[in-house]
C-alpha atoms as a PDB file:
ATOM      1  CA  MET A   1      -0.055  -0.078   0.122  1.00  0.00           C
ATOM      2  CA  ALA A   2       2.963   2.217   0.507  1.00  0.00           C
ATOM      3  CA  TRP A   3       3.877   2.281  -3.294  1.00  0.00           C
ATOM      4  CA  LYS A   4       0.270   3.528  -3.885  1.00  0.00           C
ATOM      5  CA  LYS A   5       0.598   6.515  -1.608  1.00  0.00           C
ATOM      6  CA  SER A   6       3.995   7.364  -3.184  1.00  0.00           C
ATOM      7  CA  LEU A   7       2.481   6.938  -6.599  1.00  0.00           C
ATOM      8  CA  HIS A   8      -0.275   9.143  -5.635  1.00  0.00           C
ATOM      9  CA  SER A   9       1.787  11.972  -4.332  1.00  0.00           C
ATOM     10  CA  TRP A  10       4.074  11.720  -7.517  1.00  0.00           C
ATOM     11  CA  LEU A  11       0.998  11.998  -9.568  1.00  0.00           C
ATOM     12  CA  GLN A  12      -0.413  15.055  -7.653  1.00  0.00           C
ATOM     13  CA  GLU A  13       3.041  16.742  -7.920  1.00  0.00           C
ATOM     14  CA  SER A  14       3.347  16.103 -11.516  1.00  0.00           C
ATOM     15  CA  THR A  15      -0.036  17.530 -12.579  1.00  0.00           C
ATOM     16  CA  ALA A  16       0.990  21.058 -12.181  1.00  0.00           C
ATOM     17  CA  GLU A  17       1.656  22.378 -15.581  1.00  0.00           C
ATOM     18  CA  ALA A  18       4.292  25.019 -15.911  1.00  0.00           C
ATOM     19  CA  THR A  19       3.933  27.739 -18.734  1.00  0.00           C
ATOM     20  CA  ARG A  20       5.892  26.896 -21.753  1.00  0.00           C
ATOM     21  CA  GLN A  21       8.408  29.818 -20.980  1.00  0.00           C
ATOM     22  CA  GLN A  22       9.056  28.502 -17.554  1.00  0.00           C
ATOM     23  CA  LEU A  23      10.154  24.946 -19.191  1.00  0.00           C
ATOM     24  CA  ASP A  24      12.315  26.624 -21.791  1.00  0.00           C
ATOM     25  CA  PRO A  25      15.446  26.133 -19.692  1.00  0.00           C
ATOM     26  CA  LEU A  26      14.701  22.439 -19.255  1.00  0.00           C
ATOM     27  CA  ARG A  27      14.168  21.825 -23.042  1.00  0.00           C
ATOM     28  CA  LEU A  28      17.442  23.558 -23.870  1.00  0.00           C
ATOM     29  CA  GLN A  29      19.292  21.497 -21.369  1.00  0.00           C
ATOM     30  CA  LEU A  30      17.932  18.307 -23.099  1.00  0.00           C
ATOM     31  CA  HIS A  31      18.761  19.636 -26.613  1.00  0.00           C
ATOM     32  CA  ASP A  32      22.065  20.339 -25.233  1.00  0.00           C
ATOM     33  CA  ALA A  33      22.297  16.563 -24.184  1.00  0.00           C
ATOM     34  CA  LEU A  34      21.543  15.655 -27.756  1.00  0.00           C
ATOM     35  CA  GLN A  35      23.990  18.060 -29.048  1.00  0.00           C
ATOM     36  CA  ARG A  36      25.709  16.525 -32.291  1.00  0.00           C
ATOM     37  CA  CYS A  37      23.311  13.660 -32.242  1.00  0.00           C
ATOM     38  CA  GLU A  38      22.000  13.164 -35.917  1.00  0.00           C
ATOM     39  CA  GLY A  39      19.502  11.028 -37.516  1.00  0.00           C
ATOM     40  CA  PRO A  40      15.646  10.648 -37.486  1.00  0.00           C
ATOM     41  CA  MET A  41      15.406   9.210 -34.085  1.00  0.00           C
ATOM     42  CA  CYS A  42      17.309  12.197 -32.636  1.00  0.00           C
ATOM     43  CA  GLU A  43      14.953  14.627 -34.742  1.00  0.00           C
ATOM     44  CA  ARG A  44      12.286  12.693 -33.237  1.00  0.00           C
ATOM     45  CA  MET A  45      13.268  13.146 -29.786  1.00  0.00           C
ATOM     46  CA  ARG A  46      13.764  16.773 -30.457  1.00  0.00           C
ATOM     47  CA  TRP A  47      10.146  17.207 -31.362  1.00  0.00           C
ATOM     48  CA  ARG A  48       9.032  15.345 -28.350  1.00  0.00           C
ATOM     49  CA  ILE A  49      11.216  17.651 -26.229  1.00  0.00           C
ATOM     50  CA  ASP A  50       9.523  20.724 -27.804  1.00  0.00           C
ATOM     51  CA  ASP A  51       5.958  19.145 -27.348  1.00  0.00           C
ATOM     52  CA  ALA A  52       6.170  18.231 -23.559  1.00  0.00           C
ATOM     53  CA  HIS A  53       3.920  20.139 -21.227  1.00  0.00           C
ATOM     54  CA  THR A  54       5.471  19.249 -17.989  1.00  0.00           C
ATOM     55  CA  ALA A  55       8.741  18.920 -16.059  1.00  0.00           C
ATOM     56  CA  GLN A  56       7.896  15.383 -15.489  1.00  0.00           C
ATOM     57  CA  GLN A  57       7.284  14.500 -19.208  1.00  0.00           C
ATOM     58  CA  LEU A  58      10.664  16.069 -20.029  1.00  0.00           C
ATOM     59  CA  TRP A  59      12.524  14.105 -17.275  1.00  0.00           C
ATOM     60  CA  LEU A  60      10.956  10.811 -18.398  1.00  0.00           C
ATOM     61  CA  LEU A  61      12.676  11.366 -22.038  1.00  0.00           C
ATOM     62  CA  ARG A  62      16.139  10.999 -20.436  1.00  0.00           C
ATOM     63  CA  GLY A  63      16.159   7.190 -20.547  1.00  0.00           C
ATOM     64  CA  GLU A  64      15.736   7.449 -24.531  1.00  0.00           C
ATOM     65  CA  ILE A  65      18.189  10.445 -24.724  1.00  0.00           C
ATOM     66  CA  PHE A  66      20.778   8.185 -22.991  1.00  0.00           C
ATOM     67  CA  GLN A  67      20.154   5.492 -25.580  1.00  0.00           C
ATOM     68  CA  LEU A  68      20.558   7.891 -28.443  1.00  0.00           C
ATOM     69  CA  VAL A  69      23.747   9.510 -27.198  1.00  0.00           C
ATOM     70  CA  ALA A  70      25.310   6.200 -26.082  1.00  0.00           C
ATOM     71  CA  ARG A  71      24.690   4.709 -29.679  1.00  0.00           C
ATOM     72  CA  GLN A  72      26.301   7.663 -31.258  1.00  0.00           C
ATOM     73  CA  PHE A  73      29.096   8.140 -28.804  1.00  0.00           C
ATOM     74  CA  CYS A  74      29.579   5.891 -25.874  1.00  0.00           C
ATOM     75  CA  GLN A  75      27.886   4.891 -22.658  1.00  0.00           C
ATOM     76  CA  GLU A  76      30.254   7.214 -20.692  1.00  0.00           C
ATOM     77  CA  GLU A  77      29.517  10.047 -22.563  1.00  0.00           C
ATOM     78  CA  ALA A  78      25.707   9.290 -22.306  1.00  0.00           C
ATOM     79  CA  VAL A  79      26.136   9.017 -18.548  1.00  0.00           C
ATOM     80  CA  ARG A  80      27.928  12.266 -18.273  1.00  0.00           C
ATOM     81  CA  ARG A  81      25.271  14.005 -20.271  1.00  0.00           C
ATOM     82  CA  ILE A  82      22.255  12.657 -18.328  1.00  0.00           C
ATOM     83  CA  ASN A  83      23.710  13.266 -15.026  1.00  0.00           C
ATOM     84  CA  ALA A  84      24.550  16.978 -16.101  1.00  0.00           C
ATOM     85  CA  LEU A  85      20.626  17.413 -16.348  1.00  0.00           C
ATOM     86  CA  LEU A  86      19.886  16.839 -12.348  1.00  0.00           C
ATOM     87  CA  PRO A  87      20.619  20.470 -11.276  1.00  0.00           C
ATOM     88  CA  ALA A  88      18.393  21.910 -13.942  1.00  0.00           C
ATOM     89  CA  PHE A  89      15.460  19.659 -12.761  1.00  0.00           C
ATOM     90  CA  SER A  90      16.108  19.826  -9.055  1.00  0.00           C
ATOM     91  CA  ARG A  91      13.528  22.642  -8.635  1.00  0.00           C
ATOM     92  CA  TRP A  92      10.698  20.963 -10.443  1.00  0.00           C
ATOM     93  CA  LEU A  93      11.053  17.280  -9.252  1.00  0.00           C
ATOM     94  CA  PRO A  94      10.883  15.609  -5.844  1.00  0.00           C
ATOM     95  CA  LYS A  95      14.396  14.733  -4.825  1.00  0.00           C
ATOM     96  CA  ARG A  96      13.562  10.979  -4.708  1.00  0.00           C
ATOM     97  CA  MET A  97      13.107  11.054  -8.550  1.00  0.00           C
ATOM     98  CA  LEU A  98      16.450  12.888  -9.211  1.00  0.00           C
ATOM     99  CA  THR A  99      18.776   9.768  -9.502  1.00  0.00           C
ATOM    100  CA  LYS A 100      22.051   9.381 -11.343  1.00  0.00           C
ATOM    101  CA  ALA A 101      22.450   7.356 -14.637  1.00  0.00           C
END
């Protein structure tokens, strides 16, 4: 039952939408994580970043960003880029969600 309470509290926190302008710094950080990544999958990810409406939606894209960066560069570079996102999201998400790659 504890997991239900945790999920419910996370869902309540995630329902608060920010304005597009407030999320722009997060979008820029995610676009920076994709820097020098090319191909249709990377372009699709850029569109998804631009289409996200909440900080939580943006945060959930990092796993796929990790995979794209790891494929084009290496896993170590992907870890570095994903972990660099943590400070940008610290004011938007609960601390328990901010885990390193």
